[in-house]
């Protein structure tokens, strides 16, 4: 059976990598600021801990999502092959309904 799509490497990854490096530097700077400016006990420390937890979670989530975005791909479909397969698949409900 013929393939329905082709996988190609997407262009423009150098610009995205530059953007990703600057965002990573920003996340590191925010975390360094949090580490060096710890408030005294009772003076908004609970809010500070909440913000620290949120920033750590955002940084972790961002790093995990970069594994997918660092090397983007594009899938190009072959519409003629897809149309041919849809004719075959359109008969499937008829066969399934008649077998009941």
PDB file of N, CA and C in Angstrom:
ATOM      1  N   UNK A   1       0.836  -1.169   0.000  1.00  0.00           N
ATOM      2  CA  UNK A   1       0.000   0.000   0.000  1.00  0.00           C
ATOM      3  C   UNK A   1       0.891   1.245   0.000  1.00  0.00           C
ATOM      4  N   UNK A   2       0.534   2.244  -0.773  1.00  0.00           N
ATOM      5  CA  UNK A   2       1.341   3.455  -0.912  1.00  0.00           C
ATOM      6  C   UNK A   2       1.220   4.336   0.329  1.00  0.00           C
ATOM      7  N   UNK A   3       2.275   5.088   0.585  1.00  0.00           N
ATOM      8  CA  UNK A   3       2.273   5.997   1.729  1.00  0.00           C
ATOM      9  C   UNK A   3       1.328   7.168   1.479  1.00  0.00           C
ATOM     10  N   UNK A   4       0.704   7.651   2.539  1.00  0.00           N
ATOM     11  CA  UNK A   4      -0.246   8.750   2.416  1.00  0.00           C
ATOM     12  C   UNK A   4       0.396  10.116   2.608  1.00  0.00           C
ATOM     13  N   UNK A   5       1.605  10.164   3.157  1.00  0.00           N
ATOM     14  CA  UNK A   5       2.254  11.448   3.385  1.00  0.00           C
ATOM     15  C   UNK A   5       3.766  11.284   3.323  1.00  0.00           C
ATOM     16  N   UNK A   6       4.440  12.414   3.126  1.00  0.00           N
ATOM     17  CA  UNK A   6       5.902  12.459   3.145  1.00  0.00           C
ATOM     18  C   UNK A   6       6.327  13.375   4.277  1.00  0.00           C
ATOM     19  N   UNK A   7       7.379  12.998   4.976  1.00  0.00           N
ATOM     20  CA  UNK A   7       7.891  13.792   6.083  1.00  0.00           C
ATOM     21  C   UNK A   7       9.097  14.594   5.613  1.00  0.00           C
ATOM     22  N   UNK A   8       9.046  15.907   5.843  1.00  0.00           N
ATOM     23  CA  UNK A   8      10.124  16.793   5.433  1.00  0.00           C
ATOM     24  C   UNK A   8      10.568  17.628   6.620  1.00  0.00           C
ATOM     25  N   UNK A   9      11.819  18.044   6.602  1.00  0.00           N
ATOM     26  CA  UNK A   9      12.318  18.932   7.643  1.00  0.00           C
ATOM     27  C   UNK A   9      11.820  20.341   7.358  1.00  0.00           C
ATOM     28  N   UNK A  10      11.246  20.990   8.355  1.00  0.00           N
ATOM     29  CA  UNK A  10      10.720  22.346   8.185  1.00  0.00           C
ATOM     30  C   UNK A  10      11.859  23.353   8.225  1.00  0.00           C
ATOM     31  N   UNK A  11      11.705  24.434   7.485  1.00  0.00           N
ATOM     32  CA  UNK A  11      12.726  25.470   7.458  1.00  0.00           C
ATOM     33  C   UNK A  11      12.546  26.471   8.593  1.00  0.00           C
ATOM     34  N   UNK A  12      13.486  27.387   8.719  1.00  0.00           N
ATOM     35  CA  UNK A  12      13.406  28.431   9.719  1.00  0.00           C
ATOM     36  C   UNK A  12      13.776  28.007  11.120  1.00  0.00           C
ATOM     37  N   UNK A  13      14.516  26.913  11.253  1.00  0.00           N
ATOM     38  CA  UNK A  13      14.831  26.429  12.595  1.00  0.00           C
ATOM     39  C   UNK A  13      15.915  27.277  13.271  1.00  0.00           C
ATOM     40  N   UNK A  14      16.763  27.948  12.507  1.00  0.00           N
ATOM     41  CA  UNK A  14      17.817  28.772  13.110  1.00  0.00           C
ATOM     42  C   UNK A  14      17.213  29.952  13.860  1.00  0.00           C
ATOM     43  N   UNK A  15      16.209  30.570  13.294  1.00  0.00           N
ATOM     44  CA  UNK A  15      15.547  31.693  13.957  1.00  0.00           C
ATOM     45  C   UNK A  15      14.829  31.216  15.217  1.00  0.00           C
ATOM     46  N   UNK A  16      14.191  30.067  15.143  1.00  0.00           N
ATOM     47  CA  UNK A  16      13.509  29.542  16.327  1.00  0.00           C
ATOM     48  C   UNK A  16      14.503  29.165  17.416  1.00  0.00           C
ATOM     49  N   UNK A  17      15.645  28.602  17.028  1.00  0.00           N
ATOM     50  CA  UNK A  17      16.653  28.228  18.022  1.00  0.00           C
ATOM     51  C   UNK A  17      17.203  29.465  18.730  1.00  0.00           C
ATOM     52  N   UNK A  18      17.376  30.561  18.005  1.00  0.00           N
ATOM     53  CA  UNK A  18      17.812  31.807  18.624  1.00  0.00           C
ATOM     54  C   UNK A  18      16.755  32.278  19.627  1.00  0.00           C
ATOM     55  N   UNK A  19      15.497  32.208  19.249  1.00  0.00           N
ATOM     56  CA  UNK A  19      14.404  32.581  20.147  1.00  0.00           C
ATOM     57  C   UNK A  19      14.389  31.682  21.389  1.00  0.00           C
ATOM     58  N   UNK A  20      14.564  30.395  21.190  1.00  0.00           N
ATOM     59  CA  UNK A  20      14.532  29.449  22.310  1.00  0.00           C
ATOM     60  C   UNK A  20      15.684  29.697  23.278  1.00  0.00           C
ATOM     61  N   UNK A  21      16.848  30.031  22.766  1.00  0.00           N
ATOM     62  CA  UNK A  21      17.998  30.305  23.632  1.00  0.00           C
ATOM     63  C   UNK A  21      17.748  31.563  24.456  1.00  0.00           C
ATOM     64  N   UNK A  22      17.151  32.593  23.866  1.00  0.00           N
ATOM     65  CA  UNK A  22      16.872  33.811  24.632  1.00  0.00           C
ATOM     66  C   UNK A  22      15.798  33.562  25.692  1.00  0.00           C
ATOM     67  N   UNK A  23      14.798  32.757  25.393  1.00  0.00           N
ATOM     68  CA  UNK A  23      13.779  32.423  26.399  1.00  0.00           C
ATOM     69  C   UNK A  23      14.415  31.623  27.531  1.00  0.00           C
ATOM     70  N   UNK A  24      15.291  30.689  27.203  1.00  0.00           N
ATOM     71  CA  UNK A  24      15.979  29.910  28.224  1.00  0.00           C
ATOM     72  C   UNK A  24      16.831  30.810  29.119  1.00  0.00           C
ATOM     73  N   UNK A  25      17.507  31.774  28.522  1.00  0.00           N
ATOM     74  CA  UNK A  25      18.305  32.717  29.311  1.00  0.00           C
ATOM     75  C   UNK A  25      17.395  33.535  30.239  1.00  0.00           C
ATOM     76  N   UNK A  26      16.233  33.935  29.745  1.00  0.00           N
ATOM     77  CA  UNK A  26      15.281  34.668  30.578  1.00  0.00           C
ATOM     78  C   UNK A  26      14.779  33.845  31.748  1.00  0.00           C
ATOM     79  N   UNK A  27      14.476  32.570  31.491  1.00  0.00           N
ATOM     80  CA  UNK A  27      14.023  31.675  32.574  1.00  0.00           C
ATOM     81  C   UNK A  27      15.123  31.519  33.613  1.00  0.00           C
ATOM     82  N   UNK A  28      16.361  31.346  33.172  1.00  0.00           N
ATOM     83  CA  UNK A  28      17.483  31.216  34.112  1.00  0.00           C
ATOM     84  C   UNK A  28      17.674  32.485  34.926  1.00  0.00           C
ATOM     85  N   UNK A  29      17.532  33.658  34.297  1.00  0.00           N
ATOM     86  CA  UNK A  29      17.678  34.922  35.026  1.00  0.00           C
ATOM     87  C   UNK A  29      16.583  35.093  36.076  1.00  0.00           C
ATOM     88  N   UNK A  30      15.352  34.718  35.744  1.00  0.00           N
ATOM     89  CA  UNK A  30      14.256  34.809  36.717  1.00  0.00           C
ATOM     90  C   UNK A  30      14.520  33.885  37.898  1.00  0.00           C
ATOM     91  N   UNK A  31      14.987  32.668  37.626  1.00  0.00           N
ATOM     92  CA  UNK A  31      15.280  31.734  38.717  1.00  0.00           C
ATOM     93  C   UNK A  31      16.463  32.200  39.558  1.00  0.00           C
ATOM     94  N   UNK A  32      17.468  32.813  38.942  1.00  0.00           N
ATOM     95  CA  UNK A  32      18.593  33.371  39.709  1.00  0.00           C
ATOM     96  C   UNK A  32      18.116  34.516  40.597  1.00  0.00           C
ATOM     97  N   UNK A  33      17.226  35.355  40.077  1.00  0.00           N
ATOM     98  CA  UNK A  33      16.680  36.448  40.882  1.00  0.00           C
ATOM     99  C   UNK A  33      15.920  35.892  42.086  1.00  0.00           C
ATOM    100  N   UNK A  34      15.117  34.849  41.857  1.00  0.00           N
ATOM    101  CA  UNK A  34      14.364  34.242  42.962  1.00  0.00           C
ATOM    102  C   UNK A  34      15.299  33.660  44.015  1.00  0.00           C
ATOM    103  N   UNK A  35      16.398  33.072  43.573  1.00  0.00           N
ATOM    104  CA  UNK A  35      17.333  32.446  44.516  1.00  0.00           C
ATOM    105  C   UNK A  35      18.096  33.484  45.333  1.00  0.00           C
ATOM    106  N   UNK A  36      18.345  34.661  44.776  1.00  0.00           N
ATOM    107  CA  UNK A  36      19.135  35.673  45.484  1.00  0.00           C
ATOM    108  C   UNK A  36      18.292  36.667  46.272  1.00  0.00           C
ATOM    109  N   UNK A  37      17.000  36.726  46.049  1.00  0.00           N
ATOM    110  CA  UNK A  37      16.122  37.684  46.729  1.00  0.00           C
ATOM    111  C   UNK A  37      15.017  36.945  47.486  1.00  0.00           C
ATOM    112  N   UNK A  38      15.412  36.196  48.497  1.00  0.00           N
ATOM    113  CA  UNK A  38      14.456  35.455  49.321  1.00  0.00           C
ATOM    114  C   UNK A  38      13.934  36.401  50.412  1.00  0.00           C
ATOM    115  N   UNK A  39      12.607  36.563  50.524  1.00  0.00           N
ATOM    116  CA  UNK A  39      12.081  37.472  51.554  1.00  0.00           C
ATOM    117  C   UNK A  39      12.209  36.865  52.953  1.00  0.00           C
ATOM    118  N   UNK A  40      12.145  37.736  53.929  1.00  0.00           N
ATOM    119  CA  UNK A  40      12.198  37.277  55.323  1.00  0.00           C
ATOM    120  C   UNK A  40      10.920  36.518  55.652  1.00  0.00           C
ATOM    121  N   UNK A  41      10.991  35.708  56.688  1.00  0.00           N
ATOM    122  CA  UNK A  41       9.828  34.899  57.076  1.00  0.00           C
ATOM    123  C   UNK A  41       8.662  35.807  57.437  1.00  0.00           C
ATOM    124  N   UNK A  42       7.496  35.504  56.894  1.00  0.00           N
ATOM    125  CA  UNK A  42       6.282  36.238  57.204  1.00  0.00           C
ATOM    126  C   UNK A  42       6.017  37.420  56.295  1.00  0.00           C
ATOM    127  N   UNK A  43       7.007  37.952  55.608  1.00  0.00           N
ATOM    128  CA  UNK A  43       6.825  39.132  54.753  1.00  0.00           C
ATOM    129  C   UNK A  43       6.531  38.703  53.316  1.00  0.00           C
ATOM    130  N   UNK A  44       5.422  38.040  53.124  1.00  0.00           N
ATOM    131  CA  UNK A  44       5.046  37.604  51.777  1.00  0.00           C
ATOM    132  C   UNK A  44       5.780  36.361  51.326  1.00  0.00           C
ATOM    133  N   UNK A  45       6.264  35.596  52.263  1.00  0.00           N
ATOM    134  CA  UNK A  45       7.044  34.420  51.907  1.00  0.00           C
ATOM    135  C   UNK A  45       6.187  33.343  51.237  1.00  0.00           C
ATOM    136  N   UNK A  46       4.932  33.213  51.649  1.00  0.00           N
ATOM    137  CA  UNK A  46       4.052  32.214  51.027  1.00  0.00           C
ATOM    138  C   UNK A  46       3.813  32.548  49.558  1.00  0.00           C
ATOM    139  N   UNK A  47       3.611  33.824  49.267  1.00  0.00           N
ATOM    140  CA  UNK A  47       3.429  34.246  47.872  1.00  0.00           C
ATOM    141  C   UNK A  47       4.708  34.003  47.078  1.00  0.00           C
ATOM    142  N   UNK A  48       5.854  34.265  47.703  1.00  0.00           N
ATOM    143  CA  UNK A  48       7.130  34.038  47.038  1.00  0.00           C
ATOM    144  C   UNK A  48       7.311  32.563  46.710  1.00  0.00           C
ATOM    145  N   UNK A  49       6.964  31.690  47.662  1.00  0.00           N
ATOM    146  CA  UNK A  49       7.074  30.251  47.418  1.00  0.00           C
ATOM    147  C   UNK A  49       6.130  29.798  46.306  1.00  0.00           C
ATOM    148  N   UNK A  50       4.934  30.367  46.285  1.00  0.00           N
ATOM    149  CA  UNK A  50       3.989  30.038  45.211  1.00  0.00           C
ATOM    150  C   UNK A  50       4.508  30.464  43.852  1.00  0.00           C
ATOM    151  N   UNK A  51       5.065  31.670  43.782  1.00  0.00           N
ATOM    152  CA  UNK A  51       5.629  32.138  42.519  1.00  0.00           C
ATOM    153  C   UNK A  51       6.838  31.306  42.103  1.00  0.00           C
ATOM    154  N   UNK A  52       7.661  30.925  43.072  1.00  0.00           N
ATOM    155  CA  UNK A  52       8.817  30.083  42.770  1.00  0.00           C
ATOM    156  C   UNK A  52       8.361  28.732  42.210  1.00  0.00           C
ATOM    157  N   UNK A  53       7.347  28.150  42.836  1.00  0.00           N
ATOM    158  CA  UNK A  53       6.830  26.863  42.346  1.00  0.00           C
ATOM    159  C   UNK A  53       6.282  27.004  40.932  1.00  0.00           C
ATOM    160  N   UNK A  54       5.551  28.092  40.667  1.00  0.00           N
ATOM    161  CA  UNK A  54       5.005  28.305  39.324  1.00  0.00           C
ATOM    162  C   UNK A  54       6.123  28.499  38.295  1.00  0.00           C
ATOM    163  N   UNK A  55       7.145  29.248  38.649  1.00  0.00           N
ATOM    164  CA  UNK A  55       8.249  29.479  37.714  1.00  0.00           C
ATOM    165  C   UNK A  55       9.063  28.212  37.476  1.00  0.00           C
ATOM    166  N   UNK A  56       9.243  27.407  38.497  1.00  0.00           N
ATOM    167  CA  UNK A  56       9.933  26.127  38.309  1.00  0.00           C
ATOM    168  C   UNK A  56       9.133  25.206  37.405  1.00  0.00           C
ATOM    169  N   UNK A  57       7.806  25.158  37.607  1.00  0.00           N
ATOM    170  CA  UNK A  57       6.958  24.319  36.759  1.00  0.00           C
ATOM    171  C   UNK A  57       6.976  24.811  35.323  1.00  0.00           C
ATOM    172  N   UNK A  58       6.892  26.132  35.123  1.00  0.00           N
ATOM    173  CA  UNK A  58       6.940  26.679  33.774  1.00  0.00           C
ATOM    174  C   UNK A  58       8.273  26.345  33.103  1.00  0.00           C
ATOM    175  N   UNK A  59       9.376  26.503  33.830  1.00  0.00           N
ATOM    176  CA  UNK A  59      10.690  26.188  33.263  1.00  0.00           C
ATOM    177  C   UNK A  59      10.806  24.722  32.887  1.00  0.00           C
ATOM    178  N   UNK A  60      10.326  23.836  33.756  1.00  0.00           N
ATOM    179  CA  UNK A  60      10.361  22.402  33.461  1.00  0.00           C
ATOM    180  C   UNK A  60       9.500  22.072  32.239  1.00  0.00           C
ATOM    181  N   UNK A  61       8.289  22.612  32.197  1.00  0.00           N
ATOM    182  CA  UNK A  61       7.388  22.378  31.068  1.00  0.00           C
ATOM    183  C   UNK A  61       7.991  22.903  29.776  1.00  0.00           C
ATOM    184  N   UNK A  62       8.596  24.073  29.822  1.00  0.00           N
ATOM    185  CA  UNK A  62       9.183  24.659  28.630  1.00  0.00           C
ATOM    186  C   UNK A  62      10.324  23.803  28.096  1.00  0.00           C
ATOM    187  N   UNK A  63      11.183  23.298  28.986  1.00  0.00           N
ATOM    188  CA  UNK A  63      12.305  22.456  28.555  1.00  0.00           C
ATOM    189  C   UNK A  63      11.786  21.164  27.927  1.00  0.00           C
ATOM    190  N   UNK A  64      10.741  20.571  28.523  1.00  0.00           N
ATOM    191  CA  UNK A  64      10.178  19.339  27.969  1.00  0.00           C
ATOM    192  C   UNK A  64       9.578  19.584  26.579  1.00  0.00           C
ATOM    193  N   UNK A  65       8.883  20.684  26.389  1.00  0.00           N
ATOM    194  CA  UNK A  65       8.267  20.941  25.085  1.00  0.00           C
ATOM    195  C   UNK A  65       9.291  21.274  24.013  1.00  0.00           C
ATOM    196  N   UNK A  66      10.488  21.686  24.405  1.00  0.00           N
ATOM    197  CA  UNK A  66      11.511  21.982  23.407  1.00  0.00           C
ATOM    198  C   UNK A  66      11.995  20.732  22.688  1.00  0.00           C
ATOM    199  N   UNK A  67      11.850  19.576  23.293  1.00  0.00           N
ATOM    200  CA  UNK A  67      12.270  18.340  22.626  1.00  0.00           C
ATOM    201  C   UNK A  67      11.478  18.108  21.345  1.00  0.00           C
ATOM    202  N   UNK A  68      10.260  18.583  21.304  1.00  0.00           N
ATOM    203  CA  UNK A  68       9.434  18.439  20.099  1.00  0.00           C
ATOM    204  C   UNK A  68       9.685  19.588  19.134  1.00  0.00           C
ATOM    205  N   UNK A  69       9.881  20.769  19.639  1.00  0.00           N
ATOM    206  CA  UNK A  69       9.984  21.960  18.795  1.00  0.00           C
ATOM    207  C   UNK A  69      11.387  22.230  18.274  1.00  0.00           C
ATOM    208  N   UNK A  70      12.407  21.592  18.829  1.00  0.00           N
ATOM    209  CA  UNK A  70      13.783  21.904  18.453  1.00  0.00           C
ATOM    210  C   UNK A  70      14.086  21.492  17.015  1.00  0.00           C
ATOM    211  N   UNK A  71      13.504  20.402  16.566  1.00  0.00           N
ATOM    212  CA  UNK A  71      13.724  19.926  15.202  1.00  0.00           C
ATOM    213  C   UNK A  71      12.357  19.734  14.525  1.00  0.00           C
ATOM    214  N   UNK A  72      11.748  20.806  14.053  1.00  0.00           N
ATOM    215  CA  UNK A  72      10.389  20.708  13.509  1.00  0.00           C
ATOM    216  C   UNK A  72      10.352  19.954  12.182  1.00  0.00           C
ATOM    217  N   UNK A  73       9.262  19.245  11.971  1.00  0.00           N
ATOM    218  CA  UNK A  73       9.042  18.532  10.716  1.00  0.00           C
ATOM    219  C   UNK A  73       7.694  18.944  10.146  1.00  0.00           C
ATOM    220  N   UNK A  74       7.537  18.705   8.874  1.00  0.00           N
ATOM    221  CA  UNK A  74       6.292  19.019   8.187  1.00  0.00           C
ATOM    222  C   UNK A  74       5.865  17.778   7.415  1.00  0.00           C
ATOM    223  N   UNK A  75       4.600  17.454   7.486  1.00  0.00           N
ATOM    224  CA  UNK A  75       4.082  16.307   6.747  1.00  0.00           C
ATOM    225  C   UNK A  75       3.254  16.802   5.562  1.00  0.00           C
ATOM    226  N   UNK A  76       3.625  16.345   4.378  1.00  0.00           N
ATOM    227  CA  UNK A  76       2.930  16.725   3.151  1.00  0.00           C
ATOM    228  C   UNK A  76       2.110  15.531   2.683  1.00  0.00           C
ATOM    229  N   UNK A  77       0.817  15.717   2.589  1.00  0.00           N
ATOM    230  CA  UNK A  77      -0.056  14.601   2.203  1.00  0.00           C
ATOM    231  C   UNK A  77      -0.151  14.476   0.687  1.00  0.00           C
ATOM    232  N   UNK A  78      -0.368  13.261   0.239  1.00  0.00           N
ATOM    233  CA  UNK A  78      -0.623  12.989  -1.165  1.00  0.00           C
ATOM    234  C   UNK A  78      -2.134  12.840  -1.315  1.00  0.00           C
ATOM    235  N   UNK A  79      -2.781  13.879  -1.819  1.00  0.00           N
ATOM    236  CA  UNK A  79      -4.241  13.913  -1.850  1.00  0.00           C
ATOM    237  C   UNK A  79      -4.831  12.842  -2.761  1.00  0.00           C
ATOM    238  N   UNK A  80      -4.136  12.520  -3.845  1.00  0.00           N
ATOM    239  CA  UNK A  80      -4.672  11.500  -4.744  1.00  0.00           C
ATOM    240  C   UNK A  80      -4.681  10.124  -4.074  1.00  0.00           C
ATOM    241  N   UNK A  81      -3.643   9.813  -3.318  1.00  0.00           N
ATOM    242  CA  UNK A  81      -3.603   8.528  -2.604  1.00  0.00           C
ATOM    243  C   UNK A  81      -4.615   8.499  -1.467  1.00  0.00           C
ATOM    244  N   UNK A  82      -4.796   9.633  -0.815  1.00  0.00           N
ATOM    245  CA  UNK A  82      -5.774   9.715   0.263  1.00  0.00           C
ATOM    246  C   UNK A  82      -7.187   9.521  -0.273  1.00  0.00           C
ATOM    247  N   UNK A  83      -7.469  10.100  -1.420  1.00  0.00           N
ATOM    248  CA  UNK A  83      -8.790   9.934  -2.027  1.00  0.00           C
ATOM    249  C   UNK A  83      -9.023   8.474  -2.420  1.00  0.00           C
ATOM    250  N   UNK A  84      -7.987   7.809  -2.916  1.00  0.00           N
ATOM    251  CA  UNK A  84      -8.143   6.406  -3.297  1.00  0.00           C
ATOM    252  C   UNK A  84      -8.397   5.533  -2.075  1.00  0.00           C
ATOM    253  N   UNK A  85      -7.743   5.827  -0.989  1.00  0.00           N
ATOM    254  CA  UNK A  85      -7.948   5.034   0.214  1.00  0.00           C
ATOM    255  C   UNK A  85      -9.314   5.320   0.835  1.00  0.00           C
ATOM    256  N   UNK A  86      -9.802   6.549   0.717  1.00  0.00           N
ATOM    257  CA  UNK A  86     -11.100   6.872   1.310  1.00  0.00           C
ATOM    258  C   UNK A  86     -12.221   6.111   0.606  1.00  0.00           C
ATOM    259  N   UNK A  87     -12.046   5.793  -0.670  1.00  0.00           N
ATOM    260  CA  UNK A  87     -13.044   4.980  -1.374  1.00  0.00           C
ATOM    261  C   UNK A  87     -13.078   3.588  -0.770  1.00  0.00           C
ATOM    262  N   UNK A  88     -11.899   3.038  -0.455  1.00  0.00           N
ATOM    263  CA  UNK A  88     -11.849   1.713   0.170  1.00  0.00           C
ATOM    264  C   UNK A  88     -12.451   1.750   1.573  1.00  0.00           C
ATOM    265  N   UNK A  89     -12.149   2.797   2.320  1.00  0.00           N
ATOM    266  CA  UNK A  89     -12.659   2.891   3.682  1.00  0.00           C
ATOM    267  C   UNK A  89     -14.146   3.198   3.731  1.00  0.00           C
ATOM    268  N   UNK A  90     -14.697   3.799   2.686  1.00  0.00           N
ATOM    269  CA  UNK A  90     -16.123   4.101   2.685  1.00  0.00           C
ATOM    270  C   UNK A  90     -16.960   2.825   2.601  1.00  0.00           C
ATOM    271  N   UNK A  91     -16.388   1.745   2.108  1.00  0.00           N
ATOM    272  CA  UNK A  91     -17.124   0.485   2.034  1.00  0.00           C
ATOM    273  C   UNK A  91     -17.118  -0.243   3.373  1.00  0.00           C
ATOM    274  N   UNK A  92     -16.249   0.126   4.275  1.00  0.00           N
ATOM    275  CA  UNK A  92     -16.129  -0.557   5.551  1.00  0.00           C
ATOM    276  C   UNK A  92     -17.397  -0.490   6.401  1.00  0.00           C
ATOM    277  N   UNK A  93     -18.064   0.649   6.566  1.00  0.00           N
ATOM    278  CA  UNK A  93     -19.300   0.650   7.357  1.00  0.00           C
ATOM    279  C   UNK A  93     -20.392  -0.234   6.757  1.00  0.00           C
ATOM    280  N   UNK A  94     -20.423  -0.326   5.440  1.00  0.00           N
ATOM    281  CA  UNK A  94     -21.423  -1.177   4.795  1.00  0.00           C
ATOM    282  C   UNK A  94     -21.149  -2.636   5.132  1.00  0.00           C
ATOM    283  N   UNK A  95     -19.881  -3.033   5.078  1.00  0.00           N
ATOM    284  CA  UNK A  95     -19.527  -4.409   5.424  1.00  0.00           C
ATOM    285  C   UNK A  95     -19.780  -4.685   6.886  1.00  0.00           C
ATOM    286  N   UNK A  96     -19.489  -3.724   7.748  1.00  0.00           N
ATOM    287  CA  UNK A  96     -19.688  -3.912   9.178  1.00  0.00           C
ATOM    288  C   UNK A  96     -21.181  -4.008   9.508  1.00  0.00           C
ATOM    289  N   UNK A  97     -21.989  -3.160   8.881  1.00  0.00           N
ATOM    290  CA  UNK A  97     -23.430  -3.185   9.169  1.00  0.00           C
ATOM    291  C   UNK A  97     -24.084  -4.449   8.632  1.00  0.00           C
ATOM    292  N   UNK A  98     -23.594  -4.953   7.510  1.00  0.00           N
ATOM    293  CA  UNK A  98     -24.213  -6.143   6.929  1.00  0.00           C
ATOM    294  C   UNK A  98     -23.812  -7.410   7.685  1.00  0.00           C
ATOM    295  N   UNK A  99     -22.744  -7.357   8.471  1.00  0.00           N
ATOM    296  CA  UNK A  99     -22.299  -8.551   9.173  1.00  0.00           C
ATOM    297  C   UNK A  99     -22.995  -8.705  10.519  1.00  0.00           C
ATOM    298  N   UNK A 100     -23.802  -7.775  10.928  1.00  0.00           N
ATOM    299  CA  UNK A 100     -24.481  -7.850  12.233  1.00  0.00           C
ATOM    300  C   UNK A 100     -25.688  -8.703  12.185  1.00  0.00           C
TER     301      UNK A 100
END
